[in-house]
Amino acid sequence: MNNKTYLIIGGTGGIGQAMVRQLVTATANEQSDIRVFATYHRSVPDFEADNLHWLQMDVSDEDSIEQGADIIKQHSAHLDWVINCVGLLHTETAQPEKALRQVGTDFFLQNMQINALAGLLIAKHIKPLLAKAERSNEQPAIFATISARVGSISDNQVGGWYSYRMSKAALNMGMKNLSIEWARALKDVCVVVMQPGTVNTQLSAPFQANVTEGHLFTPAYSAECLLEVLVGLSATDSGSFVDWAGESIPW
């Protein structure tokens, strides 16, 4: 992780915040020159560090994404890693659907907007910064997005959760597409979608009752595992769907 510049989208969420803290801490522990950009949606975070730069971004608004990219360009000539940790599973008024009769237009489109489309728009506006990163096949530029195992079509055995499952499957297809395009347009870039495990966050809180003992991860543990997997990826791994342990997940 030495001498890299990172962007964590969703730096105030459970996994995103844990990643930010671990990356910032790595600078002090390893005497490396790490710069971290991180986004928040509404509330300005109270966590600060000399090498941490916060910027506001609403991933449901393309103008906001573009403005965030422009701010980064004012402070850095490139980005080495971009990790999108933003996701939507439920809201204050809507829960994942258990049956077809519960599917509604607004919640479905909101899932698609946040979980699927946002990643493409982020890639669209961040590409020039990734293009300028110093990299090789062994140490590629990284564009990673947090997905979910329930986005795997072949792994689906229980059904339900229409909006979330479909939006994550759409995300996976979008990132696979992106990996193919960028393999032609950018040298040594790895586009990857990642399953973080079931993590003890606000997103999973209403659904933790059925989690097997020992399989509910802390945000810090999940973030540490994901970062470790990313360190081991090469450009030839672009287009992969992997879990927190680096194991491949079927599409």
Protein backbone atom coordinates (compact mmCIF):
# COMPACT_ATOMS: atom_id res chain seq x y z
CA MET A 1 0.00 0.00 0.00
CA ASN A 2 3.03 2.29 -0.03
CA ASN A 3 2.82 5.65 -1.79
CA LYS A 4 -0.67 5.21 -3.21
CA THR A 5 -3.64 7.52 -3.53
CA TYR A 6 -7.03 6.03 -2.65
CA LEU A 7 -10.65 7.07 -3.09
CA ILE A 8 -13.25 5.44 -0.84
CA ILE A 9 -16.81 6.13 -2.00
CA GLY A 10 -19.09 5.93 1.04
CA GLY A 11 -16.41 6.61 3.63
CA THR A 12 -18.89 7.05 6.48
CA GLY A 13 -20.61 3.68 6.13
CA GLY A 14 -19.55 0.64 8.14
CA ILE A 15 -17.10 -0.95 5.69
CA GLY A 16 -16.08 2.31 4.03
CA GLN A 17 -15.24 4.01 7.32
CA ALA A 18 -13.25 0.98 8.46
CA MET A 19 -11.26 1.08 5.20
CA VAL A 20 -10.57 4.79 5.61
CA ARG A 21 -9.30 4.31 9.15
CA GLN A 22 -7.09 1.35 8.19
CA LEU A 23 -5.57 3.12 5.19
CA VAL A 24 -4.86 6.27 7.20
CA THR A 25 -3.37 4.21 10.03
CA ALA A 26 -1.12 2.36 7.58
CA THR A 27 0.67 5.62 6.83
CA ALA A 28 1.75 6.08 10.41
CA ASN A 29 2.63 2.44 10.98
CA GLU A 30 4.55 1.82 7.74
CA GLN A 31 5.98 5.31 7.25
CA SER A 32 4.46 5.25 3.78
CA ASP A 33 3.12 8.13 1.76
CA ILE A 34 -0.58 7.31 1.46
CA ARG A 35 -3.24 9.83 0.51
CA VAL A 36 -6.90 9.02 1.07
CA PHE A 37 -9.90 10.77 -0.43
CA ALA A 38 -13.25 9.70 1.02
CA THR A 39 -16.83 10.76 0.38
CA TYR A 40 -19.74 11.44 2.67
CA HIS A 41 -23.38 12.05 1.75
CA ARG A 42 -24.83 14.54 4.23
CA SER A 43 -23.11 14.82 7.61
CA VAL A 44 -19.51 16.00 7.69
CA PRO A 45 -17.45 13.24 9.40
CA ASP A 46 -15.65 13.99 12.66
CA PHE A 47 -12.71 11.71 11.83
CA GLU A 48 -9.71 13.65 10.56
CA ALA A 49 -6.09 12.99 9.58
CA ASP A 50 -3.39 14.94 7.79
CA ASN A 51 -3.50 12.70 4.73
CA LEU A 52 -7.31 12.34 4.65
CA HIS A 53 -9.46 14.57 2.44
CA TRP A 54 -13.25 14.42 2.77
CA LEU A 55 -15.60 15.48 -0.01
CA GLN A 56 -19.36 15.46 -0.29
CA MET A 57 -20.92 13.23 -2.92
CA ASP A 58 -24.44 12.03 -3.66
CA VAL A 59 -24.02 8.92 -5.83
CA SER A 60 -27.62 9.23 -7.05
CA ASP A 61 -26.71 12.57 -8.70
CA GLU A 62 -24.29 12.49 -11.65
CA ASP A 63 -23.49 16.19 -11.26
CA SER A 64 -22.40 15.53 -7.67
CA ILE A 65 -20.16 12.66 -8.82
CA GLU A 66 -18.59 14.83 -11.51
CA GLN A 67 -18.02 17.68 -9.04
CA GLY A 68 -16.33 15.26 -6.63
CA ALA A 69 -14.00 14.05 -9.38
CA ASP A 70 -13.16 17.65 -10.25
CA ILE A 71 -12.27 18.40 -6.62
CA ILE A 72 -9.93 15.41 -6.51
CA LYS A 73 -8.24 16.59 -9.72
CA GLN A 74 -7.43 19.87 -7.97
CA HIS A 75 -5.51 18.01 -5.26
CA SER A 76 -4.10 14.95 -7.01
CA ALA A 77 -2.86 14.09 -10.48
CA HIS A 78 -4.04 10.51 -10.24
CA LEU A 79 -5.81 7.80 -8.23
CA ASP A 80 -4.37 4.32 -7.73
CA TRP A 81 -7.37 2.62 -6.11
CA VAL A 82 -11.07 3.47 -6.15
CA ILE A 83 -13.39 1.44 -3.90
CA ASN A 84 -17.14 2.02 -4.04
CA CYS A 85 -18.70 0.95 -0.72
CA VAL A 86 -22.12 2.56 -1.19
CA GLY A 87 -25.13 0.24 -1.25
CA LEU A 88 -28.88 0.18 -0.56
CA LEU A 89 -30.83 -2.72 0.93
CA HIS A 90 -33.64 -1.02 2.84
CA THR A 91 -34.93 2.44 3.71
CA GLU A 92 -36.98 3.86 6.58
CA THR A 93 -40.15 3.05 4.66
CA ALA A 94 -39.24 0.03 2.52
CA GLN A 95 -37.80 -3.41 3.23
CA PRO A 96 -36.55 -6.10 0.82
CA GLU A 97 -39.47 -7.83 -0.83
CA LYS A 98 -40.34 -11.34 0.33
CA ALA A 99 -42.85 -11.87 -2.50
CA LEU A 100 -43.73 -10.48 -5.92
CA ARG A 101 -46.81 -8.69 -4.56
CA GLN A 102 -44.51 -6.40 -2.55
CA VAL A 103 -42.52 -5.13 -5.55
CA GLY A 104 -43.03 -1.41 -6.13
CA THR A 105 -41.67 0.93 -8.76
CA ASP A 106 -40.06 3.59 -6.56
CA PHE A 107 -38.10 1.23 -4.30
CA PHE A 108 -37.04 -0.91 -7.27
CA LEU A 109 -35.69 2.08 -9.18
CA GLN A 110 -33.97 3.43 -6.06
CA ASN A 111 -32.12 0.13 -5.72
CA MET A 112 -31.08 0.27 -9.36
CA GLN A 113 -29.96 3.87 -9.03
CA ILE A 114 -27.76 3.32 -5.97
CA ASN A 115 -26.56 -0.25 -6.43
CA ALA A 116 -26.13 -0.51 -10.21
CA LEU A 117 -26.03 2.82 -12.03
CA ALA A 118 -23.91 4.73 -9.51
CA GLY A 119 -20.89 2.50 -10.07
CA LEU A 120 -20.92 3.17 -13.81
CA LEU A 121 -21.23 6.93 -13.31
CA ILE A 122 -18.36 6.92 -10.80
CA ALA A 123 -16.20 4.99 -13.28
CA LYS A 124 -17.16 7.41 -16.05
CA HIS A 125 -15.89 10.47 -14.19
CA ILE A 126 -12.97 8.84 -12.33
CA LYS A 127 -11.41 7.18 -15.39
CA PRO A 128 -9.01 10.09 -16.23
CA LEU A 129 -7.54 9.90 -12.72
CA LEU A 130 -7.03 6.12 -12.91
CA ALA A 131 -5.49 6.49 -16.36
CA LYS A 132 -2.63 8.53 -14.86
CA ALA A 133 -1.76 6.05 -12.10
CA GLU A 134 1.65 4.37 -12.14
CA ARG A 135 1.01 0.65 -12.44
CA SER A 136 2.01 -2.73 -13.80
CA ASN A 137 0.33 -6.09 -14.25
CA GLU A 138 1.43 -7.08 -10.74
CA GLN A 139 0.35 -3.75 -9.20
CA PRO A 140 -2.56 -2.53 -11.31
CA ALA A 141 -4.81 0.42 -10.77
CA ILE A 142 -7.91 -0.87 -8.93
CA PHE A 143 -11.59 -0.10 -9.45
CA ALA A 144 -13.47 -2.18 -6.88
CA THR A 145 -17.15 -2.22 -6.00
CA ILE A 146 -18.83 -3.88 -3.04
CA SER A 147 -21.48 -6.25 -4.37
CA ALA A 148 -23.31 -9.14 -2.67
CA ARG A 149 -23.50 -12.91 -3.00
CA VAL A 150 -27.27 -12.58 -3.50
CA GLY A 151 -26.46 -10.88 -6.81
CA SER A 152 -25.23 -14.24 -8.12
CA ILE A 153 -27.92 -15.75 -10.35
CA SER A 154 -26.59 -19.32 -10.13
CA ASP A 155 -26.23 -19.10 -6.33
CA ASN A 156 -29.88 -18.06 -5.83
CA GLN A 157 -31.66 -20.91 -4.04
CA VAL A 158 -34.25 -19.12 -1.89
CA GLY A 159 -35.62 -16.24 -3.99
CA GLY A 160 -37.04 -13.02 -2.54
CA TRP A 161 -35.34 -9.64 -2.26
CA TYR A 162 -36.22 -8.83 -5.88
CA SER A 163 -34.96 -5.24 -6.00
CA TYR A 164 -31.71 -5.91 -4.16
CA ARG A 165 -30.87 -9.13 -5.99
CA MET A 166 -31.64 -7.66 -9.40
CA SER A 167 -29.74 -4.43 -8.76
CA LYS A 168 -26.65 -6.33 -7.58
CA ALA A 169 -26.85 -8.66 -10.59
CA ALA A 170 -27.05 -5.54 -12.78
CA LEU A 171 -24.06 -4.07 -10.95
CA ASN A 172 -22.08 -7.26 -11.61
CA MET A 173 -22.89 -7.15 -15.32
CA GLY A 174 -21.99 -3.47 -15.51
CA MET A 175 -18.60 -4.04 -13.88
CA LYS A 176 -17.92 -7.07 -16.10
CA ASN A 177 -18.69 -4.90 -19.11
CA LEU A 178 -16.43 -2.17 -17.75
CA SER A 179 -13.56 -4.61 -17.26
CA ILE A 180 -13.74 -5.57 -20.94
CA GLU A 181 -13.87 -1.97 -22.15
CA TRP A 182 -11.07 -0.81 -19.89
CA ALA A 183 -8.90 -3.78 -20.89
CA ARG A 184 -8.86 -2.17 -24.33
CA ALA A 185 -8.67 1.47 -23.23
CA LEU A 186 -6.48 1.40 -20.11
CA LYS A 187 -3.32 -0.59 -19.46
CA ASP A 188 -3.01 -2.61 -16.23
CA VAL A 189 -6.33 -1.83 -14.53
CA CYS A 190 -8.25 -4.37 -12.45
CA VAL A 191 -12.04 -4.00 -12.22
CA VAL A 192 -13.45 -6.26 -9.51
CA VAL A 193 -16.70 -6.78 -7.61
CA MET A 194 -16.45 -8.06 -4.04
CA GLN A 195 -18.67 -9.77 -1.50
CA PRO A 196 -17.72 -8.53 1.99
CA GLY A 197 -19.44 -11.24 4.04
CA THR A 198 -22.33 -10.45 6.37
CA VAL A 199 -21.11 -7.39 8.23
CA ASN A 200 -22.51 -5.87 11.41
CA THR A 201 -23.66 -2.56 9.91
CA GLN A 202 -26.84 -0.53 9.66
CA LEU A 203 -27.48 -2.12 6.26
CA SER A 204 -27.62 -5.66 7.65
CA ALA A 205 -29.01 -4.87 11.12
CA PRO A 206 -32.65 -5.95 10.48
CA PHE A 207 -31.54 -9.29 8.99
CA GLN A 208 -28.91 -10.60 11.39
CA ALA A 209 -31.12 -13.00 13.35
CA ASN A 210 -30.58 -15.85 10.89
CA VAL A 211 -26.82 -15.39 10.47
CA THR A 212 -24.86 -18.48 11.50
CA GLU A 213 -22.75 -18.00 14.63
CA GLY A 214 -19.28 -16.81 13.75
CA HIS A 215 -20.32 -15.51 10.33
CA LEU A 216 -21.27 -11.96 11.34
CA PHE A 217 -18.15 -9.88 10.71
CA THR A 218 -17.15 -6.57 12.24
CA PRO A 219 -16.64 -3.78 9.70
CA ALA A 220 -12.95 -3.66 10.64
CA TYR A 221 -12.45 -7.37 9.94
CA SER A 222 -14.31 -7.26 6.62
CA ALA A 223 -12.40 -4.16 5.51
CA GLU A 224 -9.07 -5.73 6.44
CA CYS A 225 -9.91 -8.88 4.48
CA LEU A 226 -11.08 -6.96 1.41
CA LEU A 227 -7.99 -4.75 1.34
CA GLU A 228 -5.78 -7.82 1.66
CA VAL A 229 -7.53 -9.45 -1.31
CA LEU A 230 -7.11 -6.28 -3.38
CA VAL A 231 -3.39 -6.14 -2.66
CA GLY A 232 -3.02 -9.60 -4.18
CA LEU A 233 -4.87 -8.88 -7.44
CA SER A 234 -3.18 -8.41 -10.80
CA ALA A 235 -4.48 -6.90 -14.02
CA THR A 236 -5.29 -10.40 -15.27
CA ASP A 237 -7.87 -10.70 -12.46
CA SER A 238 -9.96 -7.88 -13.94
CA GLY A 239 -13.59 -8.88 -14.38
CA SER A 240 -13.62 -11.09 -11.28
CA PHE A 241 -16.37 -11.56 -8.67
CA VAL A 242 -14.73 -12.59 -5.40
CA ASP A 243 -15.57 -12.81 -1.72
CA TRP A 244 -13.81 -11.41 1.34
CA ALA A 245 -11.41 -14.37 1.34
CA GLY A 246 -10.54 -13.99 -2.33
CA GLU A 247 -12.62 -16.99 -3.41
CA SER A 248 -14.39 -16.76 -6.76
CA ILE A 249 -18.20 -16.45 -6.74
CA PRO A 250 -20.23 -17.78 -9.70
CA TRP A 251 -22.11 -15.15 -11.70
